[in-house]
């Protein structure tokens, strides 16, 4: 279960609700991913400028027994603006020092330079979300198929044919990211 309590009015409410969810999930053998510090951009209609999570708050959530922790380190959902300041590796290192072996999660991985991705992995990030990048590759491949008029050739309008280029584009994007993240062969 991924519970994002970072949008709660107070950290105490995030902590309390995350504790409730951990208790419910652990009783059923389900792991929990929690979040501290708002991730920038727009997701599910909620906008945030992106924050640097408080390391002590990260520790408090980690101490609840969550399986994964997503924390704000300057990352944002969606596309990064040209004036983006980058990830705070110092803050990530502070969080990792307090959370120990807990796998950290980087939301908003689309468009982060490879060097920053690899550095964040070396500092404890074990999961990176790149949904926007997959959506963009799907849209571009589908657009190309339609603009080439392939949907009007034979049965090119068949959803299996119409959506196939986008599906293949997502597969290629995922393969590229798996190689960058160093996760090939680690299922």
N, C-alpha and C. Protein backbone atom coordinates (compact mmCIF):
# COMPACT_ATOMS: atom_id res chain seq x y z
N UNK A 1 0.86 -1.17 0.00
CA UNK A 1 0.00 0.00 0.00
C UNK A 1 0.90 1.22 0.00
N UNK A 2 0.56 2.20 -0.84
CA UNK A 2 1.27 3.48 -0.81
C UNK A 2 0.33 4.49 -0.17
N UNK A 3 0.73 5.00 0.99
CA UNK A 3 -0.07 6.02 1.66
C UNK A 3 0.72 7.33 1.66
N UNK A 4 0.14 8.34 1.06
CA UNK A 4 0.77 9.65 1.00
C UNK A 4 0.07 10.58 2.00
N UNK A 5 0.64 10.66 3.18
CA UNK A 5 0.11 11.56 4.19
C UNK A 5 0.81 12.91 4.20
N UNK A 6 1.66 13.14 3.20
CA UNK A 6 2.42 14.40 3.17
C UNK A 6 1.52 15.60 2.94
N UNK A 7 0.29 15.36 2.45
CA UNK A 7 -0.63 16.47 2.20
C UNK A 7 -1.57 16.72 3.38
N UNK A 8 -1.38 15.96 4.46
CA UNK A 8 -2.20 16.19 5.65
C UNK A 8 -1.86 17.57 6.22
N UNK A 9 -2.79 18.18 6.93
CA UNK A 9 -2.54 19.53 7.46
C UNK A 9 -1.34 19.63 8.40
N UNK A 10 -1.04 18.52 9.11
CA UNK A 10 0.10 18.54 10.03
C UNK A 10 0.89 17.24 9.90
N UNK A 11 2.15 17.30 10.29
CA UNK A 11 2.95 16.09 10.28
C UNK A 11 2.39 15.08 11.27
N UNK A 12 1.90 15.55 12.41
CA UNK A 12 1.35 14.66 13.43
C UNK A 12 0.20 13.83 12.86
N UNK A 13 -0.62 14.44 12.00
CA UNK A 13 -1.72 13.71 11.38
C UNK A 13 -1.17 12.66 10.41
N UNK A 14 -0.14 13.02 9.65
CA UNK A 14 0.51 12.06 8.75
C UNK A 14 1.03 10.88 9.57
N UNK A 15 1.70 11.17 10.67
CA UNK A 15 2.27 10.13 11.53
C UNK A 15 1.17 9.23 12.08
N UNK A 16 0.11 9.82 12.57
CA UNK A 16 -0.99 9.06 13.16
C UNK A 16 -1.68 8.17 12.13
N UNK A 17 -1.97 8.72 10.98
CA UNK A 17 -2.66 7.94 9.94
C UNK A 17 -1.75 6.86 9.35
N UNK A 18 -0.48 7.20 9.20
CA UNK A 18 0.45 6.19 8.69
C UNK A 18 0.55 5.04 9.69
N UNK A 19 0.58 5.35 10.99
CA UNK A 19 0.64 4.31 12.02
C UNK A 19 -0.59 3.40 11.93
N UNK A 20 -1.76 3.98 11.71
CA UNK A 20 -2.99 3.19 11.59
C UNK A 20 -2.90 2.25 10.38
N UNK A 21 -2.43 2.78 9.27
CA UNK A 21 -2.33 1.99 8.04
C UNK A 21 -1.30 0.87 8.20
N UNK A 22 -0.16 1.18 8.81
CA UNK A 22 0.86 0.16 9.05
C UNK A 22 0.28 -0.97 9.89
N UNK A 23 -0.45 -0.63 10.94
CA UNK A 23 -1.04 -1.65 11.81
C UNK A 23 -2.02 -2.53 11.04
N UNK A 24 -2.89 -1.92 10.25
CA UNK A 24 -3.86 -2.68 9.46
C UNK A 24 -3.16 -3.58 8.43
N UNK A 25 -2.19 -3.03 7.74
CA UNK A 25 -1.52 -3.76 6.66
C UNK A 25 -0.62 -4.87 7.18
N UNK A 26 0.14 -4.58 8.22
CA UNK A 26 1.06 -5.60 8.74
C UNK A 26 0.30 -6.81 9.25
N UNK A 27 -0.92 -6.60 9.77
CA UNK A 27 -1.75 -7.71 10.22
C UNK A 27 -2.16 -8.63 9.09
N UNK A 28 -2.06 -8.14 7.86
CA UNK A 28 -2.43 -8.93 6.68
C UNK A 28 -1.21 -9.27 5.82
N UNK A 29 -0.01 -8.97 6.32
CA UNK A 29 1.21 -9.27 5.58
C UNK A 29 1.46 -8.34 4.40
N UNK A 30 0.92 -7.12 4.47
CA UNK A 30 1.05 -6.15 3.38
C UNK A 30 2.06 -5.08 3.77
N UNK A 31 2.98 -4.75 2.87
CA UNK A 31 3.95 -3.70 3.16
C UNK A 31 3.35 -2.33 2.86
N UNK A 32 3.94 -1.31 3.46
CA UNK A 32 3.45 0.06 3.32
C UNK A 32 4.58 0.96 2.86
N UNK A 33 4.28 1.78 1.86
CA UNK A 33 5.17 2.88 1.46
C UNK A 33 4.52 4.15 1.98
N UNK A 34 5.27 4.94 2.72
CA UNK A 34 4.76 6.19 3.27
C UNK A 34 5.52 7.35 2.65
N UNK A 35 5.03 8.56 2.87
CA UNK A 35 5.66 9.74 2.26
C UNK A 35 5.79 10.87 3.27
N UNK A 36 6.93 11.53 3.23
CA UNK A 36 7.21 12.69 4.07
C UNK A 36 7.73 13.81 3.19
N UNK A 37 7.19 15.00 3.36
CA UNK A 37 7.63 16.14 2.56
C UNK A 37 6.95 16.11 1.21
N UNK A 38 6.25 17.14 0.87
CA UNK A 38 5.50 17.17 -0.39
C UNK A 38 6.40 17.05 -1.59
N UNK A 39 6.01 16.17 -2.50
CA UNK A 39 6.73 16.03 -3.77
C UNK A 39 6.14 17.09 -4.69
N UNK A 40 6.97 17.86 -5.33
CA UNK A 40 6.49 18.96 -6.16
C UNK A 40 5.72 18.51 -7.38
N UNK A 41 5.21 19.48 -8.12
CA UNK A 41 4.44 19.22 -9.33
C UNK A 41 2.98 19.01 -9.01
N UNK A 42 2.30 18.32 -9.91
CA UNK A 42 0.87 18.06 -9.74
C UNK A 42 0.62 16.57 -9.87
N UNK A 43 -0.05 15.99 -8.87
CA UNK A 43 -0.44 14.59 -8.90
C UNK A 43 -1.80 14.48 -8.27
N UNK A 44 -2.70 13.79 -8.96
CA UNK A 44 -4.07 13.60 -8.47
C UNK A 44 -4.72 14.93 -8.10
N UNK A 45 -4.40 15.98 -8.87
CA UNK A 45 -5.00 17.28 -8.65
C UNK A 45 -4.40 18.07 -7.50
N UNK A 46 -3.39 17.52 -6.83
CA UNK A 46 -2.76 18.22 -5.70
C UNK A 46 -1.45 18.80 -6.19
N UNK A 47 -1.28 20.13 -6.05
CA UNK A 47 -0.07 20.80 -6.51
C UNK A 47 0.85 21.07 -5.32
N UNK A 48 2.14 20.94 -5.56
CA UNK A 48 3.14 21.23 -4.54
C UNK A 48 4.39 21.75 -5.23
N UNK A 49 5.07 22.66 -4.55
CA UNK A 49 6.30 23.23 -5.11
C UNK A 49 7.49 22.31 -4.89
N UNK A 50 7.32 21.26 -4.14
CA UNK A 50 8.44 20.37 -3.84
C UNK A 50 9.14 20.85 -2.59
N UNK A 51 9.39 19.95 -1.70
CA UNK A 51 9.97 20.31 -0.42
C UNK A 51 11.17 19.44 -0.13
N UNK A 52 11.90 19.86 0.86
CA UNK A 52 12.94 19.01 1.42
C UNK A 52 12.36 18.44 2.70
N UNK A 53 12.19 17.13 2.73
CA UNK A 53 11.61 16.49 3.89
C UNK A 53 12.49 16.69 5.11
N UNK A 54 11.87 16.80 6.27
CA UNK A 54 12.57 16.92 7.53
C UNK A 54 13.12 15.55 7.91
N UNK A 55 14.43 15.41 8.09
CA UNK A 55 15.00 14.10 8.41
C UNK A 55 14.43 13.47 9.68
N UNK A 56 14.14 14.29 10.69
CA UNK A 56 13.56 13.75 11.93
C UNK A 56 12.15 13.21 11.69
N UNK A 57 11.40 13.88 10.83
CA UNK A 57 10.06 13.39 10.49
C UNK A 57 10.18 12.08 9.71
N UNK A 58 11.17 11.99 8.84
CA UNK A 58 11.40 10.75 8.10
C UNK A 58 11.71 9.61 9.07
N UNK A 59 12.53 9.88 10.06
CA UNK A 59 12.86 8.86 11.06
C UNK A 59 11.62 8.43 11.82
N UNK A 60 10.78 9.39 12.21
CA UNK A 60 9.57 9.06 12.95
C UNK A 60 8.65 8.15 12.14
N UNK A 61 8.50 8.42 10.85
CA UNK A 61 7.68 7.57 9.99
C UNK A 61 8.36 6.21 9.81
N UNK A 62 9.67 6.21 9.61
CA UNK A 62 10.41 4.96 9.44
C UNK A 62 10.26 4.08 10.67
N UNK A 63 10.27 4.68 11.84
CA UNK A 63 10.17 3.93 13.09
C UNK A 63 8.82 3.24 13.27
N UNK A 64 7.84 3.60 12.44
CA UNK A 64 6.53 2.94 12.51
C UNK A 64 6.57 1.54 11.89
N UNK A 65 7.64 1.25 11.14
CA UNK A 65 7.77 -0.05 10.51
C UNK A 65 7.32 -0.08 9.06
N UNK A 66 7.33 1.08 8.41
CA UNK A 66 6.98 1.08 6.99
C UNK A 66 8.04 0.29 6.22
N UNK A 67 7.65 -0.19 5.03
CA UNK A 67 8.58 -0.96 4.21
C UNK A 67 9.41 -0.11 3.28
N UNK A 68 8.87 1.07 2.94
CA UNK A 68 9.53 2.00 2.01
C UNK A 68 9.17 3.41 2.43
N UNK A 69 10.06 4.36 2.14
CA UNK A 69 9.79 5.75 2.48
C UNK A 69 10.10 6.65 1.29
N UNK A 70 9.06 7.34 0.82
CA UNK A 70 9.24 8.37 -0.21
C UNK A 70 9.44 9.68 0.52
N UNK A 71 10.47 10.41 0.15
CA UNK A 71 10.76 11.66 0.84
C UNK A 71 11.10 12.75 -0.17
N UNK A 72 10.67 13.94 0.16
CA UNK A 72 10.95 15.07 -0.70
C UNK A 72 12.40 15.50 -0.58
N UNK A 73 13.10 15.51 -1.72
CA UNK A 73 14.50 15.98 -1.74
C UNK A 73 14.70 16.93 -2.92
N UNK A 74 13.61 17.65 -3.24
CA UNK A 74 13.66 18.58 -4.37
C UNK A 74 13.05 17.99 -5.63
N UNK A 75 12.53 16.78 -5.55
CA UNK A 75 11.93 16.10 -6.70
C UNK A 75 10.49 16.58 -6.90
N UNK A 76 10.02 16.49 -8.14
CA UNK A 76 8.65 16.88 -8.46
C UNK A 76 8.02 15.86 -9.41
N UNK A 77 6.69 15.80 -9.35
CA UNK A 77 5.96 14.97 -10.31
C UNK A 77 5.88 15.71 -11.63
N UNK A 78 5.88 14.98 -12.72
CA UNK A 78 5.74 15.60 -14.03
C UNK A 78 7.07 16.06 -14.58
N UNK A 79 6.99 17.06 -15.43
CA UNK A 79 8.20 17.57 -16.09
C UNK A 79 8.88 18.63 -15.23
N UNK A 80 10.19 18.60 -15.24
CA UNK A 80 10.98 19.57 -14.47
C UNK A 80 11.11 20.87 -15.25
N UNK A 81 10.95 22.01 -14.56
CA UNK A 81 11.13 23.29 -15.24
C UNK A 81 12.62 23.55 -15.51
N UNK A 82 12.89 24.44 -16.43
CA UNK A 82 14.28 24.75 -16.78
C UNK A 82 15.08 25.29 -15.60
N UNK A 83 14.40 25.94 -14.65
CA UNK A 83 15.12 26.54 -13.52
C UNK A 83 15.15 25.63 -12.28
N UNK A 84 14.90 24.34 -12.47
CA UNK A 84 14.90 23.39 -11.35
C UNK A 84 16.27 23.35 -10.70
N UNK A 85 16.30 23.39 -9.37
CA UNK A 85 17.56 23.44 -8.63
C UNK A 85 18.25 22.08 -8.49
N UNK A 86 17.54 20.99 -8.77
CA UNK A 86 18.13 19.66 -8.64
C UNK A 86 17.78 19.01 -7.32
N UNK A 87 18.22 17.77 -7.17
CA UNK A 87 17.98 17.03 -5.94
C UNK A 87 18.97 17.45 -4.88
N UNK A 88 18.55 17.42 -3.64
CA UNK A 88 19.44 17.72 -2.53
C UNK A 88 20.04 16.42 -2.02
N UNK A 89 21.23 16.13 -2.48
CA UNK A 89 21.91 14.91 -2.05
C UNK A 89 22.30 15.00 -0.57
N UNK A 90 22.56 16.22 -0.10
CA UNK A 90 22.87 16.39 1.33
C UNK A 90 21.68 15.98 2.18
N UNK A 91 20.47 16.41 1.77
CA UNK A 91 19.28 16.06 2.54
C UNK A 91 19.02 14.55 2.46
N UNK A 92 19.21 13.98 1.28
CA UNK A 92 19.03 12.53 1.12
C UNK A 92 19.99 11.78 2.05
N UNK A 93 21.23 12.21 2.12
CA UNK A 93 22.20 11.55 3.00
C UNK A 93 21.80 11.68 4.47
N UNK A 94 21.28 12.84 4.86
CA UNK A 94 20.81 13.03 6.24
C UNK A 94 19.66 12.07 6.56
N UNK A 95 18.73 11.95 5.62
CA UNK A 95 17.58 11.06 5.81
C UNK A 95 18.05 9.62 5.92
N UNK A 96 18.93 9.21 5.03
CA UNK A 96 19.43 7.83 5.04
C UNK A 96 20.16 7.53 6.34
N UNK A 97 20.92 8.48 6.86
CA UNK A 97 21.65 8.28 8.10
C UNK A 97 20.70 7.98 9.27
N UNK A 98 19.51 8.56 9.22
CA UNK A 98 18.55 8.37 10.31
C UNK A 98 17.60 7.20 10.08
N UNK A 99 17.46 6.76 8.84
CA UNK A 99 16.49 5.68 8.56
C UNK A 99 17.15 4.33 8.32
N UNK A 100 18.47 4.29 8.33
CA UNK A 100 19.18 3.02 8.23
C UNK A 100 18.97 2.29 6.93
N UNK A 101 18.61 1.01 7.03
CA UNK A 101 18.48 0.16 5.84
C UNK A 101 17.14 0.30 5.14
N UNK A 102 16.28 1.16 5.61
CA UNK A 102 14.97 1.32 4.99
C UNK A 102 15.12 1.77 3.54
N UNK A 103 14.53 1.04 2.59
CA UNK A 103 14.60 1.48 1.19
C UNK A 103 13.87 2.80 0.98
N UNK A 104 14.53 3.74 0.34
CA UNK A 104 13.93 5.04 0.06
C UNK A 104 13.39 5.05 -1.36
N UNK A 105 12.40 5.91 -1.58
CA UNK A 105 11.71 5.98 -2.86
C UNK A 105 11.83 7.40 -3.41
N UNK A 106 12.11 7.48 -4.70
CA UNK A 106 12.20 8.77 -5.39
C UNK A 106 11.01 8.90 -6.32
N UNK A 107 10.02 9.68 -5.89
CA UNK A 107 8.89 9.98 -6.77
C UNK A 107 9.34 11.08 -7.71
N UNK A 108 8.73 11.12 -8.89
CA UNK A 108 9.07 12.18 -9.83
C UNK A 108 10.42 11.98 -10.48
N UNK A 109 10.72 10.76 -10.88
CA UNK A 109 12.02 10.47 -11.47
C UNK A 109 12.19 10.88 -12.92
N UNK A 110 11.09 11.25 -13.58
CA UNK A 110 11.16 11.62 -15.00
C UNK A 110 11.99 12.88 -15.20
N UNK A 111 13.00 12.78 -16.03
CA UNK A 111 13.78 13.96 -16.40
C UNK A 111 14.94 14.29 -15.48
N UNK A 112 15.12 13.52 -14.41
CA UNK A 112 16.26 13.77 -13.54
C UNK A 112 17.51 13.26 -14.25
N UNK A 113 18.57 14.07 -14.32
CA UNK A 113 19.79 13.64 -15.01
C UNK A 113 20.34 12.33 -14.44
N UNK A 114 20.92 11.52 -15.32
CA UNK A 114 21.43 10.20 -14.95
C UNK A 114 22.39 10.25 -13.77
N UNK A 115 23.25 11.26 -13.72
CA UNK A 115 24.22 11.35 -12.61
C UNK A 115 23.51 11.49 -11.27
N UNK A 116 22.44 12.29 -11.24
CA UNK A 116 21.68 12.47 -10.00
C UNK A 116 20.95 11.19 -9.61
N UNK A 117 20.42 10.51 -10.61
CA UNK A 117 19.73 9.24 -10.35
C UNK A 117 20.72 8.26 -9.71
N UNK A 118 21.88 8.11 -10.33
CA UNK A 118 22.85 7.14 -9.84
C UNK A 118 23.38 7.53 -8.45
N UNK A 119 23.56 8.81 -8.21
CA UNK A 119 24.00 9.27 -6.89
C UNK A 119 22.92 8.97 -5.85
N UNK A 120 21.65 9.21 -6.20
CA UNK A 120 20.57 8.95 -5.25
C UNK A 120 20.49 7.45 -4.93
N UNK A 121 20.73 6.61 -5.92
CA UNK A 121 20.74 5.16 -5.68
C UNK A 121 21.87 4.81 -4.72
N UNK A 122 23.02 5.43 -4.91
CA UNK A 122 24.16 5.14 -4.01
C UNK A 122 23.89 5.61 -2.58
N UNK A 123 22.92 6.53 -2.42
CA UNK A 123 22.58 7.05 -1.10
C UNK A 123 21.32 6.39 -0.52
N UNK A 124 20.87 5.29 -1.12
CA UNK A 124 19.78 4.53 -0.51
C UNK A 124 18.46 4.50 -1.24
N UNK A 125 18.34 5.17 -2.37
CA UNK A 125 17.08 5.10 -3.12
C UNK A 125 17.00 3.73 -3.79
N UNK A 126 15.90 3.02 -3.52
CA UNK A 126 15.74 1.66 -4.04
C UNK A 126 14.59 1.55 -5.04
N UNK A 127 13.78 2.59 -5.13
CA UNK A 127 12.63 2.58 -6.05
C UNK A 127 12.51 3.97 -6.64
N UNK A 128 12.35 4.04 -7.97
CA UNK A 128 12.25 5.33 -8.65
C UNK A 128 11.03 5.29 -9.55
N UNK A 129 10.14 6.25 -9.38
CA UNK A 129 8.93 6.32 -10.20
C UNK A 129 9.18 7.21 -11.41
N UNK A 130 8.86 6.69 -12.59
CA UNK A 130 9.05 7.42 -13.84
C UNK A 130 7.79 7.36 -14.71
N UNK A 131 6.64 7.48 -14.10
CA UNK A 131 5.38 7.35 -14.82
C UNK A 131 5.23 8.37 -15.94
N UNK A 132 5.56 9.63 -15.69
CA UNK A 132 5.40 10.65 -16.72
C UNK A 132 6.21 10.30 -17.96
N UNK A 133 7.42 9.81 -17.78
CA UNK A 133 8.26 9.44 -18.91
C UNK A 133 7.62 8.33 -19.74
N UNK A 134 7.02 7.36 -19.07
CA UNK A 134 6.32 6.28 -19.78
C UNK A 134 5.12 6.84 -20.54
N UNK A 135 4.38 7.74 -19.92
CA UNK A 135 3.22 8.34 -20.58
C UNK A 135 3.65 9.14 -21.81
N UNK A 136 4.73 9.88 -21.68
CA UNK A 136 5.22 10.69 -22.81
C UNK A 136 5.66 9.81 -23.98
N UNK A 137 6.37 8.68 -23.68
CA UNK A 137 6.80 7.81 -24.78
C UNK A 137 5.60 7.16 -25.45
N UNK A 138 4.60 6.78 -24.64
CA UNK A 138 3.38 6.18 -25.20
C UNK A 138 2.68 7.19 -26.11
N UNK A 139 2.52 8.41 -25.63
CA UNK A 139 1.81 9.43 -26.42
C UNK A 139 2.54 9.73 -27.73
N UNK A 140 3.86 9.86 -27.68
CA UNK A 140 4.63 10.19 -28.89
C UNK A 140 4.51 9.06 -29.93
N UNK A 141 4.62 7.82 -29.50
CA UNK A 141 4.55 6.69 -30.44
C UNK A 141 3.14 6.55 -31.02
N UNK A 142 2.14 6.78 -30.20
CA UNK A 142 0.75 6.69 -30.67
C UNK A 142 0.46 7.82 -31.65
N UNK A 143 0.94 9.02 -31.32
CA UNK A 143 0.75 10.18 -32.21
C UNK A 143 1.40 9.91 -33.57
N UNK A 144 2.61 9.38 -33.54
CA UNK A 144 3.33 9.08 -34.78
C UNK A 144 2.54 8.08 -35.64
N UNK A 145 1.98 7.06 -35.02
CA UNK A 145 1.18 6.05 -35.73
C UNK A 145 -0.03 6.70 -36.40
N UNK A 146 -0.72 7.55 -35.66
CA UNK A 146 -1.93 8.19 -36.21
C UNK A 146 -1.56 9.22 -37.27
N UNK A 147 -0.56 10.04 -37.00
CA UNK A 147 -0.16 11.07 -37.97
C UNK A 147 0.35 10.46 -39.27
N UNK A 148 0.87 9.24 -39.20
CA UNK A 148 1.33 8.55 -40.41
C UNK A 148 0.14 7.92 -41.16
N UNK A 149 -1.05 8.03 -40.57
CA UNK A 149 -2.25 7.50 -41.21
C UNK A 149 -2.38 5.99 -41.10
N UNK A 150 -1.58 5.36 -40.26
CA UNK A 150 -1.61 3.90 -40.15
C UNK A 150 -2.94 3.39 -39.58
N UNK A 151 -3.63 4.25 -38.83
CA UNK A 151 -4.92 3.84 -38.29
C UNK A 151 -5.99 3.74 -39.38
N UNK A 152 -5.69 4.28 -40.57
CA UNK A 152 -6.65 4.26 -41.68
C UNK A 152 -6.26 3.25 -42.75
N UNK A 153 -5.23 2.47 -42.47
CA UNK A 153 -4.78 1.44 -43.43
C UNK A 153 -5.25 0.07 -42.93
N UNK A 154 -6.01 -0.61 -43.77
CA UNK A 154 -6.51 -1.93 -43.38
C UNK A 154 -7.29 -1.83 -42.09
N UNK A 155 -6.93 -2.68 -41.14
CA UNK A 155 -7.58 -2.65 -39.82
C UNK A 155 -6.67 -1.96 -38.80
N UNK A 156 -5.98 -0.93 -39.25
CA UNK A 156 -5.08 -0.19 -38.38
C UNK A 156 -5.78 0.50 -37.23
N UNK A 157 -7.08 0.61 -37.31
CA UNK A 157 -7.87 1.22 -36.23
C UNK A 157 -8.12 0.23 -35.08
N UNK A 158 -7.83 -1.06 -35.30
CA UNK A 158 -8.00 -2.07 -34.26
C UNK A 158 -7.18 -1.64 -33.05
N UNK A 159 -7.79 -1.57 -31.86
CA UNK A 159 -7.04 -1.11 -30.68
C UNK A 159 -5.74 -1.86 -30.45
N UNK A 160 -5.70 -3.13 -30.82
CA UNK A 160 -4.45 -3.89 -30.63
C UNK A 160 -3.34 -3.35 -31.52
N UNK A 161 -3.71 -2.86 -32.70
CA UNK A 161 -2.71 -2.28 -33.61
C UNK A 161 -2.46 -0.81 -33.26
N UNK A 162 -3.53 -0.09 -32.96
CA UNK A 162 -3.44 1.34 -32.66
C UNK A 162 -2.59 1.61 -31.42
N UNK A 163 -2.73 0.74 -30.42
CA UNK A 163 -2.02 0.95 -29.16
C UNK A 163 -0.66 0.26 -29.09
N UNK A 164 -0.39 -0.62 -30.05
CA UNK A 164 0.87 -1.39 -30.02
C UNK A 164 2.12 -0.51 -30.03
N UNK A 165 2.20 0.54 -30.86
CA UNK A 165 3.42 1.36 -30.83
C UNK A 165 3.65 2.02 -29.46
N UNK A 166 2.58 2.46 -28.83
CA UNK A 166 2.72 3.06 -27.50
C UNK A 166 3.17 2.04 -26.48
N UNK A 167 2.61 0.85 -26.55
CA UNK A 167 2.99 -0.23 -25.66
C UNK A 167 4.48 -0.55 -25.82
N UNK A 168 4.93 -0.66 -27.05
CA UNK A 168 6.34 -0.95 -27.32
C UNK A 168 7.25 0.20 -26.84
N UNK A 169 6.76 1.43 -26.97
CA UNK A 169 7.53 2.59 -26.51
C UNK A 169 7.70 2.56 -24.99
N UNK A 170 6.64 2.19 -24.29
CA UNK A 170 6.73 2.08 -22.83
C UNK A 170 7.73 0.98 -22.46
N UNK A 171 7.66 -0.16 -23.14
CA UNK A 171 8.61 -1.24 -22.87
C UNK A 171 10.04 -0.77 -23.06
N UNK A 172 10.29 -0.03 -24.14
CA UNK A 172 11.65 0.47 -24.40
C UNK A 172 12.09 1.45 -23.32
N UNK A 173 11.18 2.30 -22.88
CA UNK A 173 11.50 3.27 -21.81
C UNK A 173 11.82 2.54 -20.52
N UNK A 174 11.01 1.56 -20.17
CA UNK A 174 11.24 0.80 -18.95
C UNK A 174 12.57 0.06 -19.01
N UNK A 175 12.89 -0.53 -20.16
CA UNK A 175 14.17 -1.23 -20.31
C UNK A 175 15.34 -0.26 -20.12
N UNK A 176 15.23 0.91 -20.73
CA UNK A 176 16.27 1.93 -20.59
C UNK A 176 16.44 2.33 -19.13
N UNK A 177 15.33 2.52 -18.42
CA UNK A 177 15.40 2.93 -17.01
C UNK A 177 15.95 1.81 -16.14
N UNK A 178 15.56 0.58 -16.43
CA UNK A 178 16.09 -0.55 -15.65
C UNK A 178 17.61 -0.62 -15.78
N UNK A 179 18.11 -0.35 -16.98
CA UNK A 179 19.56 -0.35 -17.17
C UNK A 179 20.22 0.80 -16.41
N UNK A 180 19.61 1.99 -16.48
CA UNK A 180 20.14 3.15 -15.76
C UNK A 180 20.12 2.92 -14.25
N UNK A 181 19.03 2.34 -13.77
CA UNK A 181 18.86 2.15 -12.32
C UNK A 181 19.67 0.96 -11.79
N UNK A 182 20.22 0.16 -12.70
CA UNK A 182 21.00 -1.00 -12.27
C UNK A 182 20.12 -2.14 -11.76
N UNK A 183 18.89 -2.23 -12.24
CA UNK A 183 17.97 -3.25 -11.73
C UNK A 183 17.76 -4.43 -12.66
N UNK A 184 18.47 -4.48 -13.78
CA UNK A 184 18.34 -5.60 -14.71
C UNK A 184 18.81 -6.87 -14.02
N UNK A 185 17.98 -7.92 -14.11
CA UNK A 185 18.32 -9.21 -13.52
C UNK A 185 18.15 -9.27 -12.02
N UNK A 186 17.46 -8.30 -11.43
CA UNK A 186 17.31 -8.28 -9.97
C UNK A 186 15.84 -8.40 -9.57
N UNK A 187 15.10 -9.22 -10.27
CA UNK A 187 13.67 -9.38 -9.94
C UNK A 187 13.47 -10.09 -8.64
